[in-house]
Amino acid sequence: MANWVGGSAPAMAGQVAGGFVLLSSATLRGFTPPELHTFKLELEKALRGVRAEVPPQDDALAQQARHHRISRLSSALQVVQNQLTGRR
């Protein structure tokens, strides 16, 4: 049984996007492959949602926040994928 931060995979993906949780291979050590696949799907869904948001062109802070969320979700996806393939 996975120890989801926030209680579920979607909540944990939201925590990652917000910058409240940083993923590493040690963080994901207790997760089984099916749980990692579920989490990967939730991260991809959150990433699609963030990319769909289009802040106004003149709002630099909103643009920056969007880019930070995209960066955090993309790096989390890489960590999960590496954990699934067995690379450390």
Protein backbone atom coordinates (compact mmCIF):
# COMPACT_ATOMS: atom_id res chain seq x y z
CA MET A 1 0.00 0.00 0.00
CA ALA A 2 1.44 3.32 -1.07
CA ASN A 3 1.89 6.20 1.31
CA TRP A 4 0.35 8.92 -0.86
CA VAL A 5 1.19 12.45 0.21
CA GLY A 6 -2.18 14.18 0.42
CA GLY A 7 -4.10 10.91 0.54
CA SER A 8 -4.35 9.94 -3.14
CA ALA A 9 -2.43 9.95 -6.42
CA PRO A 10 -4.24 13.04 -7.82
CA ALA A 11 -3.66 14.93 -4.57
CA MET A 12 0.03 14.00 -4.59
CA ALA A 13 0.34 15.16 -8.21
CA GLY A 14 -1.19 18.48 -7.15
CA GLN A 15 1.30 18.72 -4.28
CA VAL A 16 4.16 18.11 -6.71
CA ALA A 17 2.83 20.78 -9.10
CA GLY A 18 2.58 23.24 -6.23
CA GLY A 19 6.14 22.56 -5.13
CA PHE A 20 5.18 21.12 -1.75
CA VAL A 21 6.58 17.65 -2.51
CA LEU A 22 9.90 16.91 -4.19
CA LEU A 23 10.23 13.43 -5.63
CA SER A 24 13.30 11.24 -5.51
CA SER A 25 13.91 7.54 -5.85
CA ALA A 26 13.93 7.32 -2.04
CA THR A 27 10.50 8.95 -1.88
CA LEU A 28 9.08 6.40 -4.32
CA ARG A 29 10.81 3.34 -2.85
CA GLY A 30 7.68 1.99 -1.13
CA PHE A 31 5.49 2.21 -4.23
CA THR A 32 4.66 -0.85 -6.34
CA PRO A 33 4.83 -0.68 -10.17
CA PRO A 34 1.01 -0.46 -10.56
CA GLU A 35 0.95 2.41 -8.06
CA LEU A 36 3.76 4.14 -9.93
CA HIS A 37 1.82 3.76 -13.20
CA THR A 38 -1.24 5.29 -11.55
CA PHE A 39 0.84 8.17 -10.23
CA LYS A 40 2.47 8.67 -13.63
CA LEU A 41 -0.95 8.94 -15.26
CA GLU A 42 -2.02 11.53 -12.68
CA LEU A 43 1.17 13.52 -13.25
CA GLU A 44 0.56 13.48 -17.00
CA LYS A 45 -3.04 14.59 -16.47
CA ALA A 46 -1.89 17.46 -14.22
CA LEU A 47 0.74 18.45 -16.78
CA ARG A 48 -1.88 18.58 -19.54
CA GLY A 49 -4.05 20.75 -17.32
CA VAL A 50 -1.24 23.19 -16.57
CA ARG A 51 -0.27 23.40 -20.24
CA ALA A 52 -3.90 24.15 -21.13
CA GLU A 53 -3.89 27.21 -18.89
CA VAL A 54 -2.87 30.27 -20.88
CA PRO A 55 -2.16 33.30 -18.73
CA PRO A 56 -2.28 36.78 -20.25
CA GLN A 57 0.82 37.76 -22.21
CA ASP A 58 1.42 40.83 -20.06
CA ASP A 59 1.27 38.93 -16.74
CA ALA A 60 4.88 37.91 -16.19
CA LEU A 61 4.26 36.42 -12.73
CA ALA A 62 1.50 34.14 -14.01
CA GLN A 63 3.72 33.04 -16.90
CA GLN A 64 6.56 32.31 -14.49
CA ALA A 65 4.31 30.34 -12.12
CA ARG A 66 3.01 28.27 -15.05
CA HIS A 67 6.56 27.49 -16.19
CA HIS A 68 7.57 26.47 -12.67
CA ARG A 69 4.60 24.06 -12.41
CA ILE A 70 5.44 22.58 -15.83
CA SER A 71 9.07 22.15 -14.79
CA ARG A 72 8.19 20.45 -11.50
CA LEU A 73 5.71 18.07 -13.14
CA SER A 74 8.12 17.23 -15.98
CA SER A 75 10.96 16.43 -13.60
CA ALA A 76 8.61 14.35 -11.42
CA LEU A 77 7.58 12.36 -14.50
CA GLN A 78 11.25 11.65 -15.23
CA VAL A 79 11.83 10.45 -11.66
CA VAL A 80 8.79 8.15 -11.82
CA GLN A 81 9.80 6.80 -15.23
CA ASN A 82 13.34 6.11 -14.00
CA GLN A 83 11.92 4.31 -10.96
CA LEU A 84 9.71 2.19 -13.22
CA THR A 85 12.58 1.21 -15.52
CA GLY A 86 14.81 0.34 -12.57
CA ARG A 87 17.45 3.03 -13.09
CA ARG A 88 18.60 4.79 -9.95
